[in-house]
Amino acid sequence: MKRDWLINIRKYSGLTQLQVASRCFIDRGYYAHIESGLRQPSLSVAKKISSVLSFSPALFFAEDFDDPFQMSLEKSPIMIAHCNLDLRYTWIFNPHPNFDAINMIGRTDKEIAENEGLRRLRNLKREVISSRDCIRELIEFPLSDGGNVYDFFGKPLMNRERIIGVITISTEVTHLIR
């Protein structure tokens, strides 16, 4: 199974397969096989690749099994996402039906759409990064099924002591607000 999400992250990072492989101290052919889904990286290689491209190495291993946590949240009003410091999505779970998770990987909110809700979400993410604190805010988005209100919780995404991005967890609460 081709890893489009990995290809998107690499391309949006402006790196070639050779550059990623070199920074991970692995062969370019091996890296190409990882992207194409022909090879599964070891945990140490997954950590190296995820460090170079700023995402969680767990992404490589979440593909291979039915996670009870993911199964329980599927089709719920809860969405979880990771973004790097450039606010590019590196992982997303359970987005609104207007959006395709695979096509969002490697892109910013501004590249996906432009509206007041997404501007407020970008500001929340920037504030989480600059303050290194958790932030919570209600944000309304114009979507195909109307104006939906989400309760967003943002927190720093850390790699040991270093902040590498933002985690957002949102719950659709439109019915509670109106």
N, C-alpha and C. Protein backbone atom coordinates (compact mmCIF):
# COMPACT_ATOMS: atom_id res chain seq x y z
N MET A 1 0.84 -1.17 0.00
CA MET A 1 0.00 0.00 0.00
C MET A 1 0.89 1.24 0.00
N LYS A 2 0.81 2.02 -1.05
CA LYS A 2 1.62 3.23 -1.20
C LYS A 2 1.31 4.22 -0.07
N ARG A 3 2.34 4.80 0.49
CA ARG A 3 2.18 5.75 1.59
C ARG A 3 2.14 7.18 1.04
N ASP A 4 0.98 7.55 0.50
CA ASP A 4 0.81 8.90 -0.05
C ASP A 4 1.05 9.97 1.02
N TRP A 5 0.65 9.68 2.25
CA TRP A 5 0.85 10.66 3.32
C TRP A 5 2.33 10.96 3.52
N LEU A 6 3.18 9.94 3.42
CA LEU A 6 4.62 10.13 3.60
C LEU A 6 5.21 10.92 2.42
N ILE A 7 4.77 10.59 1.23
CA ILE A 7 5.22 11.32 0.04
C ILE A 7 4.83 12.79 0.14
N ASN A 8 3.59 13.06 0.57
CA ASN A 8 3.13 14.44 0.71
C ASN A 8 3.96 15.21 1.73
N ILE A 9 4.22 14.60 2.87
CA ILE A 9 5.02 15.29 3.90
C ILE A 9 6.42 15.59 3.36
N ARG A 10 7.04 14.61 2.69
CA ARG A 10 8.39 14.82 2.15
C ARG A 10 8.38 15.94 1.12
N LYS A 11 7.44 15.91 0.19
CA LYS A 11 7.39 16.93 -0.86
C LYS A 11 7.12 18.32 -0.30
N TYR A 12 6.19 18.42 0.66
CA TYR A 12 5.92 19.72 1.27
C TYR A 12 7.09 20.19 2.13
N SER A 13 7.95 19.28 2.54
CA SER A 13 9.16 19.67 3.27
C SER A 13 10.26 20.12 2.31
N GLY A 14 10.01 19.93 1.00
CA GLY A 14 10.97 20.35 -0.01
C GLY A 14 12.17 19.44 -0.12
N LEU A 15 11.99 18.17 0.24
CA LEU A 15 13.11 17.23 0.22
C LEU A 15 12.90 16.15 -0.83
N THR A 16 13.99 15.65 -1.37
CA THR A 16 13.95 14.51 -2.28
C THR A 16 14.06 13.23 -1.46
N GLN A 17 13.80 12.11 -2.10
CA GLN A 17 13.99 10.83 -1.42
C GLN A 17 15.45 10.67 -0.99
N LEU A 18 16.37 11.08 -1.85
CA LEU A 18 17.80 10.97 -1.53
C LEU A 18 18.16 11.81 -0.31
N GLN A 19 17.62 13.02 -0.21
CA GLN A 19 17.92 13.88 0.94
C GLN A 19 17.40 13.28 2.24
N VAL A 20 16.17 12.75 2.21
CA VAL A 20 15.62 12.12 3.42
C VAL A 20 16.46 10.91 3.79
N ALA A 21 16.74 10.06 2.80
CA ALA A 21 17.53 8.85 3.06
C ALA A 21 18.90 9.20 3.63
N SER A 22 19.56 10.21 3.05
CA SER A 22 20.89 10.61 3.53
C SER A 22 20.84 11.09 4.97
N ARG A 23 19.83 11.87 5.30
CA ARG A 23 19.71 12.40 6.67
C ARG A 23 19.37 11.29 7.67
N CYS A 24 18.80 10.20 7.16
CA CYS A 24 18.46 9.06 8.03
C CYS A 24 19.53 7.98 8.02
N PHE A 25 20.56 8.18 7.19
CA PHE A 25 21.65 7.22 7.06
C PHE A 25 21.15 5.86 6.57
N ILE A 26 20.24 5.91 5.58
CA ILE A 26 19.75 4.69 4.94
C ILE A 26 19.89 4.85 3.43
N ASP A 27 19.79 3.75 2.73
CA ASP A 27 19.89 3.75 1.28
C ASP A 27 18.63 4.37 0.66
N ARG A 28 18.79 5.13 -0.42
CA ARG A 28 17.67 5.77 -1.08
C ARG A 28 16.67 4.73 -1.58
N GLY A 29 17.15 3.62 -2.09
CA GLY A 29 16.26 2.56 -2.56
C GLY A 29 15.39 2.00 -1.45
N TYR A 30 15.99 1.84 -0.27
CA TYR A 30 15.24 1.37 0.89
C TYR A 30 14.16 2.38 1.25
N TYR A 31 14.55 3.66 1.25
CA TYR A 31 13.56 4.70 1.55
C TYR A 31 12.43 4.70 0.51
N ALA A 32 12.77 4.55 -0.75
CA ALA A 32 11.76 4.51 -1.82
C ALA A 32 10.80 3.35 -1.60
N HIS A 33 11.32 2.21 -1.15
CA HIS A 33 10.46 1.06 -0.86
C HIS A 33 9.55 1.33 0.33
N ILE A 34 10.03 2.10 1.30
CA ILE A 34 9.19 2.48 2.44
C ILE A 34 8.04 3.36 1.95
N GLU A 35 8.35 4.36 1.11
CA GLU A 35 7.31 5.24 0.57
C GLU A 35 6.29 4.46 -0.25
N SER A 36 6.77 3.52 -1.04
CA SER A 36 5.87 2.77 -1.93
C SER A 36 5.09 1.69 -1.18
N GLY A 37 5.44 1.46 0.08
CA GLY A 37 4.74 0.46 0.88
C GLY A 37 5.26 -0.94 0.70
N LEU A 38 6.36 -1.10 -0.04
CA LEU A 38 6.95 -2.42 -0.24
C LEU A 38 7.73 -2.90 0.98
N ARG A 39 8.19 -1.95 1.79
CA ARG A 39 8.96 -2.29 3.00
C ARG A 39 8.36 -1.57 4.20
N GLN A 40 8.42 -2.21 5.34
CA GLN A 40 8.02 -1.60 6.60
C GLN A 40 9.31 -1.21 7.32
N PRO A 41 9.46 0.04 7.74
CA PRO A 41 10.70 0.41 8.43
C PRO A 41 10.76 -0.20 9.83
N SER A 42 11.97 -0.42 10.28
CA SER A 42 12.16 -0.82 11.68
C SER A 42 11.78 0.38 12.55
N LEU A 43 11.63 0.16 13.83
CA LEU A 43 11.29 1.26 14.73
C LEU A 43 12.36 2.34 14.69
N SER A 44 13.64 1.95 14.66
CA SER A 44 14.71 2.95 14.65
C SER A 44 14.70 3.76 13.36
N VAL A 45 14.44 3.13 12.22
CA VAL A 45 14.37 3.86 10.95
C VAL A 45 13.13 4.74 10.93
N ALA A 46 12.01 4.24 11.43
CA ALA A 46 10.78 5.04 11.49
C ALA A 46 11.02 6.30 12.33
N LYS A 47 11.75 6.16 13.44
CA LYS A 47 12.06 7.31 14.28
C LYS A 47 12.94 8.32 13.55
N LYS A 48 13.92 7.83 12.80
CA LYS A 48 14.80 8.72 12.04
C LYS A 48 14.02 9.48 10.98
N ILE A 49 13.19 8.77 10.21
CA ILE A 49 12.40 9.43 9.15
C ILE A 49 11.44 10.44 9.76
N SER A 50 10.77 10.05 10.84
CA SER A 50 9.81 10.97 11.46
C SER A 50 10.50 12.18 12.06
N SER A 51 11.72 12.02 12.52
CA SER A 51 12.47 13.15 13.05
C SER A 51 12.86 14.12 11.94
N VAL A 52 13.31 13.60 10.81
CA VAL A 52 13.68 14.44 9.67
C VAL A 52 12.47 15.19 9.12
N LEU A 53 11.31 14.52 9.07
CA LEU A 53 10.12 15.11 8.46
C LEU A 53 9.12 15.66 9.49
N SER A 54 9.45 15.59 10.77
CA SER A 54 8.64 16.15 11.87
C SER A 54 7.23 15.60 11.95
N PHE A 55 7.12 14.30 12.18
CA PHE A 55 5.82 13.69 12.46
C PHE A 55 6.05 12.54 13.44
N SER A 56 4.98 11.96 13.91
CA SER A 56 5.07 10.87 14.88
C SER A 56 5.40 9.55 14.18
N PRO A 57 6.41 8.81 14.67
CA PRO A 57 6.74 7.52 14.05
C PRO A 57 5.61 6.50 14.16
N ALA A 58 4.67 6.74 15.05
CA ALA A 58 3.54 5.82 15.22
C ALA A 58 2.72 5.70 13.94
N LEU A 59 2.79 6.71 13.06
CA LEU A 59 2.05 6.65 11.80
C LEU A 59 2.38 5.41 11.00
N PHE A 60 3.64 4.99 11.00
CA PHE A 60 4.04 3.82 10.24
C PHE A 60 3.36 2.54 10.74
N PHE A 61 3.13 2.48 12.02
CA PHE A 61 2.64 1.25 12.62
C PHE A 61 1.13 1.24 12.82
N ALA A 62 0.50 2.40 12.77
CA ALA A 62 -0.96 2.48 12.89
C ALA A 62 -1.65 1.92 11.66
N GLU A 63 -0.91 1.83 10.53
CA GLU A 63 -1.48 1.32 9.29
C GLU A 63 -1.76 -0.18 9.36
N ASP A 64 -1.06 -0.88 10.23
CA ASP A 64 -1.03 -2.33 10.18
C ASP A 64 -2.03 -3.07 11.06
N PHE A 65 -2.77 -2.38 11.89
CA PHE A 65 -3.68 -3.10 12.75
C PHE A 65 -4.91 -2.25 13.05
N ASP A 66 -5.97 -2.92 13.45
CA ASP A 66 -7.19 -2.22 13.85
C ASP A 66 -7.03 -1.82 15.31
N ASP A 67 -6.79 -0.56 15.52
CA ASP A 67 -6.60 -0.02 16.85
C ASP A 67 -7.97 0.19 17.49
N PRO A 68 -8.23 -0.41 18.67
CA PRO A 68 -9.54 -0.25 19.30
C PRO A 68 -9.87 1.21 19.59
N PHE A 69 -8.87 2.02 19.91
CA PHE A 69 -9.09 3.45 20.16
C PHE A 69 -9.60 4.12 18.89
N GLN A 70 -8.93 3.86 17.76
CA GLN A 70 -9.37 4.45 16.50
C GLN A 70 -10.75 3.93 16.10
N MET A 71 -10.97 2.65 16.27
CA MET A 71 -12.27 2.08 15.90
C MET A 71 -13.39 2.70 16.72
N SER A 72 -13.14 3.01 17.99
CA SER A 72 -14.19 3.58 18.83
C SER A 72 -14.48 5.03 18.47
N LEU A 73 -13.51 5.75 17.93
CA LEU A 73 -13.71 7.16 17.58
C LEU A 73 -14.19 7.37 16.15
N GLU A 74 -14.05 6.35 15.31
CA GLU A 74 -14.44 6.48 13.91
C GLU A 74 -15.91 6.88 13.81
N LYS A 75 -16.17 7.89 12.99
CA LYS A 75 -17.51 8.44 12.74
C LYS A 75 -18.10 9.14 13.96
N SER A 76 -17.27 9.41 14.96
CA SER A 76 -17.72 10.19 16.11
C SER A 76 -17.54 11.67 15.79
N PRO A 77 -18.03 12.56 16.65
CA PRO A 77 -17.84 14.00 16.38
C PRO A 77 -16.46 14.50 16.81
N ILE A 78 -15.51 13.59 17.00
CA ILE A 78 -14.18 13.96 17.47
C ILE A 78 -13.16 13.83 16.34
N MET A 79 -12.34 14.87 16.18
CA MET A 79 -11.27 14.86 15.18
C MET A 79 -9.95 15.14 15.91
N ILE A 80 -8.90 14.44 15.53
CA ILE A 80 -7.58 14.63 16.12
C ILE A 80 -6.59 14.86 14.98
N ALA A 81 -5.69 15.83 15.17
CA ALA A 81 -4.72 16.13 14.11
C ALA A 81 -3.39 16.55 14.72
N HIS A 82 -2.33 16.27 13.97
CA HIS A 82 -0.99 16.75 14.31
C HIS A 82 -0.56 17.67 13.18
N CYS A 83 0.11 18.78 13.54
CA CYS A 83 0.70 19.70 12.57
C CYS A 83 2.15 19.94 12.99
N ASN A 84 3.02 20.18 12.00
CA ASN A 84 4.40 20.51 12.33
C ASN A 84 4.50 22.01 12.63
N LEU A 85 5.69 22.52 12.81
CA LEU A 85 5.87 23.93 13.16
C LEU A 85 5.46 24.88 12.03
N ASP A 86 5.40 24.38 10.80
CA ASP A 86 4.92 25.18 9.67
C ASP A 86 3.40 25.07 9.54
N LEU A 87 2.76 24.39 10.49
CA LEU A 87 1.32 24.16 10.53
C LEU A 87 0.83 23.27 9.40
N ARG A 88 1.72 22.44 8.87
CA ARG A 88 1.35 21.45 7.86
C ARG A 88 0.89 20.18 8.58
N TYR A 89 -0.24 19.64 8.14
CA TYR A 89 -0.76 18.43 8.76
C TYR A 89 0.20 17.27 8.54
N THR A 90 0.52 16.57 9.63
CA THR A 90 1.36 15.38 9.54
C THR A 90 0.58 14.12 9.91
N TRP A 91 -0.61 14.30 10.46
CA TRP A 91 -1.49 13.19 10.78
C TRP A 91 -2.86 13.76 11.07
N ILE A 92 -3.90 13.08 10.61
CA ILE A 92 -5.26 13.54 10.91
C ILE A 92 -6.16 12.32 11.00
N PHE A 93 -7.04 12.35 11.99
CA PHE A 93 -7.97 11.25 12.19
C PHE A 93 -9.39 11.79 12.25
N ASN A 94 -10.26 11.20 11.46
CA ASN A 94 -11.69 11.45 11.51
C ASN A 94 -12.09 12.88 11.13
N PRO A 95 -11.58 13.41 10.01
CA PRO A 95 -11.98 14.76 9.63
C PRO A 95 -13.44 14.82 9.20
N HIS A 96 -13.97 16.02 9.14
CA HIS A 96 -15.34 16.24 8.65
C HIS A 96 -15.44 15.63 7.25
N PRO A 97 -16.61 15.11 6.86
CA PRO A 97 -16.76 14.49 5.53
C PRO A 97 -16.39 15.39 4.35
N ASN A 98 -16.34 16.71 4.54
CA ASN A 98 -15.92 17.62 3.47
C ASN A 98 -14.45 17.43 3.10
N PHE A 99 -13.69 16.79 3.98
CA PHE A 99 -12.24 16.72 3.81
C PHE A 99 -11.75 15.28 3.75
N ASP A 100 -10.73 15.06 2.94
CA ASP A 100 -10.10 13.75 2.81
C ASP A 100 -8.77 13.80 3.57
N ALA A 101 -8.62 12.97 4.57
CA ALA A 101 -7.43 13.00 5.43
C ALA A 101 -6.14 12.85 4.62
N ILE A 102 -6.09 11.94 3.67
CA ILE A 102 -4.87 11.71 2.89
C ILE A 102 -4.48 12.97 2.13
N ASN A 103 -5.44 13.66 1.55
CA ASN A 103 -5.14 14.88 0.78
C ASN A 103 -4.78 16.06 1.67
N MET A 104 -5.07 15.97 2.96
CA MET A 104 -4.72 17.06 3.88
C MET A 104 -3.28 16.95 4.37
N ILE A 105 -2.73 15.74 4.38
CA ILE A 105 -1.37 15.53 4.89
C ILE A 105 -0.38 16.36 4.07
N GLY A 106 0.45 17.10 4.78
CA GLY A 106 1.47 17.93 4.14
C GLY A 106 0.99 19.32 3.77
N ARG A 107 -0.30 19.58 3.94
CA ARG A 107 -0.85 20.88 3.57
C ARG A 107 -1.22 21.68 4.82
N THR A 108 -1.31 22.99 4.66
CA THR A 108 -1.75 23.87 5.74
C THR A 108 -3.24 24.13 5.58
N ASP A 109 -3.86 24.66 6.63
CA ASP A 109 -5.28 25.01 6.54
C ASP A 109 -5.52 26.01 5.41
N LYS A 110 -4.62 26.96 5.26
CA LYS A 110 -4.78 27.99 4.23
C LYS A 110 -4.74 27.39 2.83
N GLU A 111 -3.96 26.33 2.64
CA GLU A 111 -3.88 25.66 1.34
C GLU A 111 -5.12 24.80 1.08
N ILE A 112 -5.81 24.42 2.14
CA ILE A 112 -7.00 23.59 2.01
C ILE A 112 -8.23 24.44 1.71
N ALA A 113 -8.40 25.52 2.43
CA ALA A 113 -9.52 26.45 2.25
C ALA A 113 -9.21 27.74 3.00
N GLU A 114 -9.99 28.76 2.74
CA GLU A 114 -9.79 30.03 3.43
C GLU A 114 -11.13 30.53 3.94
N ASN A 115 -11.25 30.64 5.26
CA ASN A 115 -12.44 31.21 5.88
C ASN A 115 -12.07 31.64 7.30
N GLU A 116 -12.99 32.33 7.96
CA GLU A 116 -12.71 32.86 9.29
C GLU A 116 -12.41 31.75 10.30
N GLY A 117 -13.10 30.63 10.21
CA GLY A 117 -12.85 29.52 11.12
C GLY A 117 -11.42 29.01 11.01
N LEU A 118 -10.96 28.84 9.77
CA LEU A 118 -9.59 28.35 9.58
C LEU A 118 -8.55 29.39 9.99
N ARG A 119 -8.85 30.67 9.83
CA ARG A 119 -7.94 31.72 10.32
C ARG A 119 -7.83 31.64 11.85
N ARG A 120 -8.95 31.45 12.53
CA ARG A 120 -8.92 31.33 14.00
C ARG A 120 -8.18 30.06 14.43
N LEU A 121 -8.36 28.97 13.68
CA LEU A 121 -7.65 27.73 14.01
C LEU A 121 -6.14 27.92 13.84
N ARG A 122 -5.72 28.57 12.75
CA ARG A 122 -4.28 28.85 12.55
C ARG A 122 -3.74 29.68 13.71
N ASN A 123 -4.49 30.68 14.15
CA ASN A 123 -4.04 31.52 15.27
C ASN A 123 -3.93 30.71 16.55
N LEU A 124 -4.87 29.79 16.79
CA LEU A 124 -4.80 28.94 17.97
C LEU A 124 -3.52 28.11 17.92
N LYS A 125 -3.23 27.52 16.77
CA LYS A 125 -2.02 26.69 16.64
C LYS A 125 -0.76 27.52 16.85
N ARG A 126 -0.72 28.70 16.26
CA ARG A 126 0.45 29.58 16.45
C ARG A 126 0.64 29.95 17.91
N GLU A 127 -0.47 30.23 18.60
CA GLU A 127 -0.39 30.60 20.02
C GLU A 127 0.09 29.42 20.87
N VAL A 128 -0.34 28.21 20.54
CA VAL A 128 0.13 27.01 21.26
C VAL A 128 1.64 26.89 21.10
N ILE A 129 2.14 27.09 19.87
CA ILE A 129 3.58 26.97 19.62
C ILE A 129 4.34 28.05 20.37
N SER A 130 3.89 29.30 20.28
CA SER A 130 4.65 30.40 20.91
C SER A 130 4.57 30.35 22.43
N SER A 131 3.42 29.98 22.98
CA SER A 131 3.27 29.97 24.45
C SER A 131 3.71 28.66 25.08
N ARG A 132 3.73 27.59 24.26
CA ARG A 132 4.02 26.23 24.75
C ARG A 132 2.99 25.77 25.77
N ASP A 133 1.79 26.39 25.71
CA ASP A 133 0.70 26.05 26.62
C ASP A 133 -0.45 25.40 25.85
N CYS A 134 -1.33 24.76 26.60
CA CYS A 134 -2.56 24.22 26.02
C CYS A 134 -3.58 25.35 25.91
N ILE A 135 -4.34 25.34 24.83
CA ILE A 135 -5.34 26.39 24.59
C ILE A 135 -6.62 25.73 24.13
N ARG A 136 -7.74 26.30 24.57
CA ARG A 136 -9.06 25.78 24.19
C ARG A 136 -9.90 26.93 23.67
N GLU A 137 -10.65 26.68 22.57
CA GLU A 137 -11.45 27.73 21.95
C GLU A 137 -12.58 27.11 21.13
N LEU A 138 -13.74 27.77 21.13
CA LEU A 138 -14.84 27.39 20.25
C LEU A 138 -14.64 28.10 18.92
N ILE A 139 -14.72 27.35 17.82
CA ILE A 139 -14.51 27.91 16.48
C ILE A 139 -15.62 27.41 15.56
N GLU A 140 -16.22 28.33 14.79
CA GLU A 140 -17.27 27.97 13.84
C GLU A 140 -16.70 27.92 12.43
N PHE A 141 -17.11 26.91 11.67
CA PHE A 141 -16.66 26.70 10.29
C PHE A 141 -17.85 26.62 9.35
N PRO A 142 -17.77 27.25 8.18
CA PRO A 142 -18.82 27.07 7.18
C PRO A 142 -18.56 25.76 6.42
N LEU A 143 -19.44 24.78 6.60
CA LEU A 143 -19.27 23.47 5.97
C LEU A 143 -20.52 23.13 5.17
N SER A 144 -20.46 22.05 4.42
CA SER A 144 -21.57 21.67 3.54
C SER A 144 -22.87 21.43 4.30
N ASP A 145 -22.77 21.01 5.57
CA ASP A 145 -23.98 20.76 6.35
C ASP A 145 -24.35 21.93 7.25
N GLY A 146 -23.82 23.11 6.93
CA GLY A 146 -24.14 24.32 7.68
C GLY A 146 -22.94 24.84 8.45
N GLY A 147 -23.18 25.81 9.29
CA GLY A 147 -22.13 26.36 10.14
C GLY A 147 -21.94 25.45 11.34
N ASN A 148 -20.83 24.76 11.39
CA ASN A 148 -20.58 23.82 12.48
C ASN A 148 -19.63 24.46 13.50
N VAL A 149 -19.94 24.29 14.78
CA VAL A 149 -19.12 24.81 15.86
C VAL A 149 -18.34 23.66 16.47
N TYR A 150 -17.04 23.88 16.64
CA TYR A 150 -16.15 22.87 17.23
C TYR A 150 -15.48 23.43 18.48
N ASP A 151 -15.37 22.59 19.48
CA ASP A 151 -14.61 22.90 20.69
C ASP A 151 -13.21 22.37 20.44
N PHE A 152 -12.25 23.27 20.21
CA PHE A 152 -10.87 22.89 19.91
C PHE A 152 -10.01 22.95 21.15
N PHE A 153 -9.18 21.93 21.30
CA PHE A 153 -8.16 21.89 22.34
C PHE A 153 -6.84 21.70 21.62
N GLY A 154 -5.91 22.63 21.81
CA GLY A 154 -4.59 22.53 21.19
C GLY A 154 -3.53 22.40 22.25
N LYS A 155 -2.55 21.54 21.97
CA LYS A 155 -1.43 21.38 22.91
C LYS A 155 -0.15 21.17 22.12
N PRO A 156 0.98 21.53 22.70
CA PRO A 156 2.26 21.34 21.99
C PRO A 156 2.54 19.87 21.72
N LEU A 157 3.06 19.60 20.53
CA LEU A 157 3.53 18.26 20.16
C LEU A 157 5.02 18.26 20.42
N MET A 158 5.46 17.41 21.34
CA MET A 158 6.85 17.43 21.79
C MET A 158 7.61 16.20 21.32
N ASN A 159 8.90 16.40 21.08
CA ASN A 159 9.85 15.33 20.82
C ASN A 159 10.93 15.51 21.87
N ARG A 160 10.78 14.79 22.95
CA ARG A 160 11.60 14.98 24.15
C ARG A 160 11.37 16.39 24.69
N GLU A 161 12.37 17.23 24.71
CA GLU A 161 12.26 18.58 25.24
C GLU A 161 11.90 19.62 24.18
N ARG A 162 11.89 19.22 22.92
CA ARG A 162 11.74 20.15 21.80
C ARG A 162 10.32 20.11 21.26
N ILE A 163 9.73 21.28 21.03
CA ILE A 163 8.41 21.34 20.42
C ILE A 163 8.57 21.14 18.91
N ILE A 164 7.78 20.21 18.35
CA ILE A 164 7.88 19.93 16.92
C ILE A 164 6.58 20.23 16.19
N GLY A 165 5.57 20.68 16.93
CA GLY A 165 4.30 21.00 16.29
C GLY A 165 3.18 21.14 17.28
N VAL A 166 1.97 20.89 16.81
CA VAL A 166 0.75 21.09 17.59
C VAL A 166 -0.17 19.87 17.42
N ILE A 167 -0.79 19.47 18.49
CA ILE A 167 -1.86 18.48 18.45
C ILE A 167 -3.16 19.23 18.67
N THR A 168 -4.15 18.99 17.82
CA THR A 168 -5.47 19.56 18.07
C THR A 168 -6.47 18.42 18.19
N ILE A 169 -7.34 18.57 19.16
CA ILE A 169 -8.44 17.64 19.35
C ILE A 169 -9.69 18.50 19.34
N SER A 170 -10.64 18.14 18.48
CA SER A 170 -11.84 18.95 18.39
C SER A 170 -13.07 18.06 18.45
N THR A 171 -14.10 18.62 19.03
CA THR A 171 -15.39 17.95 19.13
C THR A 171 -16.45 18.86 18.54
N GLU A 172 -17.27 18.33 17.67
CA GLU A 172 -18.35 19.11 17.06
C GLU A 172 -19.44 19.30 18.11
N VAL A 173 -19.76 20.56 18.44
CA VAL A 173 -20.70 20.88 19.51
C VAL A 173 -21.84 21.78 19.04
N THR A 174 -22.08 21.84 17.75
CA THR A 174 -23.09 22.72 17.19
C THR A 174 -24.43 22.55 17.90
N HIS A 175 -24.86 21.31 18.09
CA HIS A 175 -26.15 21.03 18.71
C HIS A 175 -26.23 21.53 20.15
N LEU A 176 -25.11 21.65 20.84
CA LEU A 176 -25.09 22.16 22.21
C LEU A 176 -25.14 23.68 22.26
N ILE A 177 -24.64 24.33 21.23
CA ILE A 177 -24.54 25.79 21.19
C ILE A 177 -25.87 26.40 20.78
N ARG A 178 -26.58 25.73 19.86
CA ARG A 178 -27.78 26.32 19.27
C ARG A 178 -29.02 25.90 20.01
